[in-house]
Amino acid sequence: MESLVLKRSIVVGGHKTSVSLEDAFWRGLKEIASARHLTLSAMVAEIDSGRTSGNLSSAIRLFVLDHYRAMISAPAASQSAHAEAQQIR
């Protein structure tokens, strides 16, 4: 399974910039933006404003990774809380 890194142009804060991302990260970013009812540019602007170091492409990858990791851990935490509630009864 080969995922090519493609350079894409996007407008962030009124300035055109480019990011180099694998297609899977680009699709993930678009899904997250859509779920949050944000444009892709607005989502990237949020990521850009919150980064403390590294380049924008890396910040986007980490953001997408963190988003999906949180989705995986949330059901596990919910199941654990449910199990604890059942033990109390």
N, C-alpha and C. Protein backbone atom coordinates (compact mmCIF):
# COMPACT_ATOMS: atom_id res chain seq x y z
N MET A 1 0.85 -1.18 0.00
CA MET A 1 0.00 0.00 0.00
C MET A 1 0.89 1.23 0.00
N GLU A 2 0.87 1.93 -1.08
CA GLU A 2 1.72 3.10 -1.21
C GLU A 2 0.86 4.36 -1.16
N SER A 3 1.22 5.27 -0.30
CA SER A 3 0.50 6.54 -0.20
C SER A 3 1.45 7.65 -0.61
N LEU A 4 1.16 8.26 -1.72
CA LEU A 4 2.02 9.31 -2.23
C LEU A 4 1.81 10.61 -1.46
N VAL A 5 2.90 11.30 -1.24
CA VAL A 5 2.85 12.62 -0.63
C VAL A 5 2.63 13.62 -1.75
N LEU A 6 1.54 14.36 -1.66
CA LEU A 6 1.22 15.35 -2.68
C LEU A 6 1.24 16.74 -2.08
N LYS A 7 1.72 17.69 -2.86
CA LYS A 7 1.73 19.08 -2.43
C LYS A 7 0.41 19.70 -2.86
N ARG A 8 -0.28 20.31 -1.88
CA ARG A 8 -1.57 20.94 -2.16
C ARG A 8 -1.51 22.39 -1.72
N SER A 9 -2.18 23.25 -2.46
CA SER A 9 -2.23 24.67 -2.12
C SER A 9 -3.52 24.94 -1.35
N ILE A 10 -3.41 25.82 -0.37
CA ILE A 10 -4.56 26.20 0.45
C ILE A 10 -4.37 27.62 0.93
N VAL A 11 -5.46 28.32 1.13
CA VAL A 11 -5.40 29.68 1.64
C VAL A 11 -5.65 29.62 3.14
N VAL A 12 -4.69 30.15 3.91
CA VAL A 12 -4.77 30.16 5.36
C VAL A 12 -4.58 31.60 5.84
N GLY A 13 -5.58 32.11 6.50
CA GLY A 13 -5.49 33.49 6.99
C GLY A 13 -5.26 34.50 5.89
N GLY A 14 -5.86 34.25 4.72
CA GLY A 14 -5.73 35.16 3.60
C GLY A 14 -4.45 35.01 2.80
N HIS A 15 -3.61 34.08 3.19
CA HIS A 15 -2.34 33.86 2.47
C HIS A 15 -2.31 32.47 1.88
N LYS A 16 -1.89 32.38 0.64
CA LYS A 16 -1.78 31.08 -0.03
C LYS A 16 -0.51 30.38 0.45
N THR A 17 -0.67 29.12 0.82
CA THR A 17 0.48 28.32 1.24
C THR A 17 0.30 26.92 0.68
N SER A 18 1.30 26.10 0.81
CA SER A 18 1.18 24.73 0.35
C SER A 18 1.57 23.78 1.48
N VAL A 19 0.92 22.63 1.46
CA VAL A 19 1.23 21.57 2.42
C VAL A 19 1.48 20.29 1.65
N SER A 20 2.37 19.49 2.15
CA SER A 20 2.66 18.19 1.54
C SER A 20 2.10 17.12 2.46
N LEU A 21 1.06 16.44 1.98
CA LEU A 21 0.39 15.43 2.80
C LEU A 21 0.08 14.18 1.99
N GLU A 22 0.10 13.05 2.66
CA GLU A 22 -0.37 11.81 2.07
C GLU A 22 -1.89 11.93 1.90
N ASP A 23 -2.42 11.24 0.92
CA ASP A 23 -3.85 11.31 0.63
C ASP A 23 -4.70 10.93 1.84
N ALA A 24 -4.28 9.95 2.62
CA ALA A 24 -5.05 9.53 3.80
C ALA A 24 -5.19 10.67 4.81
N PHE A 25 -4.13 11.43 5.01
CA PHE A 25 -4.21 12.56 5.94
C PHE A 25 -5.08 13.68 5.36
N TRP A 26 -4.99 13.90 4.06
CA TRP A 26 -5.80 14.93 3.41
C TRP A 26 -7.29 14.58 3.54
N ARG A 27 -7.62 13.31 3.28
CA ARG A 27 -9.02 12.86 3.41
C ARG A 27 -9.49 12.98 4.85
N GLY A 28 -8.63 12.58 5.79
CA GLY A 28 -8.99 12.69 7.21
C GLY A 28 -9.24 14.12 7.61
N LEU A 29 -8.40 15.03 7.15
CA LEU A 29 -8.55 16.45 7.46
C LEU A 29 -9.88 16.97 6.91
N LYS A 30 -10.21 16.59 5.69
CA LYS A 30 -11.47 17.02 5.08
C LYS A 30 -12.67 16.47 5.85
N GLU A 31 -12.58 15.22 6.31
CA GLU A 31 -13.66 14.62 7.10
C GLU A 31 -13.86 15.37 8.41
N ILE A 32 -12.78 15.69 9.08
CA ILE A 32 -12.85 16.40 10.36
C ILE A 32 -13.46 17.79 10.16
N ALA A 33 -12.99 18.50 9.15
CA ALA A 33 -13.51 19.84 8.87
C ALA A 33 -15.01 19.77 8.58
N SER A 34 -15.42 18.81 7.79
CA SER A 34 -16.84 18.66 7.46
C SER A 34 -17.67 18.36 8.71
N ALA A 35 -17.18 17.47 9.55
CA ALA A 35 -17.90 17.12 10.78
C ALA A 35 -18.03 18.32 11.71
N ARG A 36 -17.08 19.23 11.65
CA ARG A 36 -17.11 20.43 12.50
C ARG A 36 -17.76 21.62 11.80
N HIS A 37 -18.27 21.37 10.62
CA HIS A 37 -18.93 22.42 9.81
C HIS A 37 -17.99 23.60 9.57
N LEU A 38 -16.74 23.27 9.22
CA LEU A 38 -15.72 24.27 8.91
C LEU A 38 -15.24 24.08 7.48
N THR A 39 -14.79 25.15 6.88
CA THR A 39 -14.13 25.01 5.60
C THR A 39 -12.75 24.41 5.86
N LEU A 40 -12.18 23.86 4.84
CA LEU A 40 -10.84 23.30 4.97
C LEU A 40 -9.85 24.39 5.38
N SER A 41 -9.99 25.57 4.79
CA SER A 41 -9.09 26.68 5.13
C SER A 41 -9.23 27.08 6.59
N ALA A 42 -10.47 27.11 7.11
CA ALA A 42 -10.68 27.46 8.52
C ALA A 42 -10.09 26.41 9.44
N MET A 43 -10.23 25.15 9.07
CA MET A 43 -9.67 24.06 9.88
C MET A 43 -8.15 24.16 9.92
N VAL A 44 -7.54 24.39 8.78
CA VAL A 44 -6.08 24.50 8.72
C VAL A 44 -5.62 25.75 9.48
N ALA A 45 -6.38 26.82 9.42
CA ALA A 45 -6.02 28.04 10.16
C ALA A 45 -6.02 27.76 11.66
N GLU A 46 -6.99 26.98 12.15
CA GLU A 46 -7.02 26.61 13.57
C GLU A 46 -5.79 25.79 13.94
N ILE A 47 -5.46 24.84 13.10
CA ILE A 47 -4.28 24.00 13.35
C ILE A 47 -3.03 24.87 13.35
N ASP A 48 -2.93 25.75 12.37
CA ASP A 48 -1.77 26.62 12.23
C ASP A 48 -1.61 27.53 13.45
N SER A 49 -2.71 28.07 13.95
CA SER A 49 -2.62 28.99 15.09
C SER A 49 -2.25 28.28 16.38
N GLY A 50 -2.51 26.97 16.44
CA GLY A 50 -2.21 26.23 17.66
C GLY A 50 -0.87 25.54 17.69
N ARG A 51 -0.16 25.57 16.58
CA ARG A 51 1.12 24.84 16.57
C ARG A 51 2.22 25.66 17.22
N THR A 52 3.09 24.95 17.92
CA THR A 52 4.18 25.63 18.61
C THR A 52 5.51 25.42 17.91
N SER A 53 5.61 24.36 17.12
CA SER A 53 6.85 24.13 16.38
C SER A 53 6.57 23.21 15.20
N GLY A 54 7.56 23.01 14.41
CA GLY A 54 7.42 22.15 13.24
C GLY A 54 6.73 22.87 12.10
N ASN A 55 6.64 22.18 10.98
CA ASN A 55 6.01 22.81 9.83
C ASN A 55 4.52 22.49 9.80
N LEU A 56 3.78 23.18 8.97
CA LEU A 56 2.33 23.04 8.92
C LEU A 56 1.93 21.63 8.50
N SER A 57 2.61 21.04 7.57
CA SER A 57 2.27 19.67 7.14
C SER A 57 2.36 18.70 8.30
N SER A 58 3.40 18.79 9.10
CA SER A 58 3.55 17.92 10.27
C SER A 58 2.46 18.19 11.29
N ALA A 59 2.14 19.46 11.50
CA ALA A 59 1.09 19.82 12.47
C ALA A 59 -0.25 19.24 12.04
N ILE A 60 -0.53 19.24 10.74
CA ILE A 60 -1.78 18.67 10.24
C ILE A 60 -1.80 17.17 10.47
N ARG A 61 -0.70 16.50 10.15
CA ARG A 61 -0.64 15.05 10.37
C ARG A 61 -0.89 14.71 11.83
N LEU A 62 -0.24 15.43 12.73
CA LEU A 62 -0.41 15.16 14.16
C LEU A 62 -1.83 15.45 14.62
N PHE A 63 -2.43 16.51 14.09
CA PHE A 63 -3.81 16.85 14.42
C PHE A 63 -4.76 15.72 14.02
N VAL A 64 -4.62 15.24 12.79
CA VAL A 64 -5.49 14.17 12.28
C VAL A 64 -5.27 12.90 13.10
N LEU A 65 -4.02 12.57 13.38
CA LEU A 65 -3.71 11.39 14.18
C LEU A 65 -4.34 11.50 15.57
N ASP A 66 -4.18 12.64 16.22
CA ASP A 66 -4.75 12.85 17.56
C ASP A 66 -6.27 12.75 17.53
N HIS A 67 -6.88 13.29 16.50
CA HIS A 67 -8.34 13.25 16.37
C HIS A 67 -8.83 11.80 16.35
N TYR A 68 -8.23 10.98 15.51
CA TYR A 68 -8.69 9.60 15.40
C TYR A 68 -8.28 8.76 16.61
N ARG A 69 -7.17 9.07 17.24
CA ARG A 69 -6.81 8.39 18.50
C ARG A 69 -7.84 8.69 19.58
N ALA A 70 -8.28 9.94 19.66
CA ALA A 70 -9.29 10.33 20.66
C ALA A 70 -10.60 9.59 20.39
N MET A 71 -10.94 9.41 19.12
CA MET A 71 -12.16 8.67 18.79
C MET A 71 -12.07 7.22 19.25
N ILE A 72 -10.89 6.64 19.14
CA ILE A 72 -10.70 5.25 19.56
C ILE A 72 -10.76 5.13 21.07
N SER A 73 -10.14 6.08 21.79
CA SER A 73 -10.12 6.00 23.25
C SER A 73 -11.45 6.36 23.88
N ALA A 74 -12.24 7.20 23.26
CA ALA A 74 -13.51 7.63 23.85
C ALA A 74 -14.46 6.45 24.08
N PRO A 75 -14.67 5.56 23.11
CA PRO A 75 -15.55 4.42 23.38
C PRO A 75 -15.00 3.50 24.47
N ALA A 76 -13.69 3.34 24.53
CA ALA A 76 -13.09 2.49 25.56
C ALA A 76 -13.32 3.10 26.93
N ALA A 77 -13.17 4.41 27.07
CA ALA A 77 -13.40 5.08 28.34
C ALA A 77 -14.86 5.00 28.72
N SER A 78 -15.74 5.12 27.75
CA SER A 78 -17.18 5.04 28.00
C SER A 78 -17.56 3.64 28.47
N GLN A 79 -17.00 2.62 27.86
CA GLN A 79 -17.27 1.24 28.25
C GLN A 79 -16.76 0.97 29.65
N SER A 80 -15.60 1.52 29.98
CA SER A 80 -15.02 1.34 31.31
C SER A 80 -15.91 1.98 32.37
N ALA A 81 -16.41 3.18 32.11
CA ALA A 81 -17.29 3.87 33.05
C ALA A 81 -18.59 3.10 33.21
N HIS A 82 -19.10 2.53 32.12
CA HIS A 82 -20.32 1.75 32.18
C HIS A 82 -20.12 0.49 33.04
N ALA A 83 -18.97 -0.17 32.87
CA ALA A 83 -18.66 -1.36 33.64
C ALA A 83 -18.54 -1.03 35.14
N GLU A 84 -17.93 0.10 35.45
CA GLU A 84 -17.80 0.52 36.86
C GLU A 84 -19.17 0.80 37.45
N ALA A 85 -20.05 1.43 36.69
CA ALA A 85 -21.41 1.73 37.17
C ALA A 85 -22.18 0.45 37.44
N GLN A 86 -21.96 -0.57 36.61
CA GLN A 86 -22.64 -1.84 36.80
C GLN A 86 -22.16 -2.54 38.07
N GLN A 87 -20.88 -2.38 38.41
CA GLN A 87 -20.33 -2.99 39.63
C GLN A 87 -20.89 -2.35 40.87
N ILE A 88 -21.19 -1.07 40.81
CA ILE A 88 -21.71 -0.34 41.97
C ILE A 88 -23.11 -0.83 42.30
N ARG A 89 -23.88 -1.18 41.29
CA ARG A 89 -25.25 -1.65 41.52
C ARG A 89 -25.20 -2.94 42.20
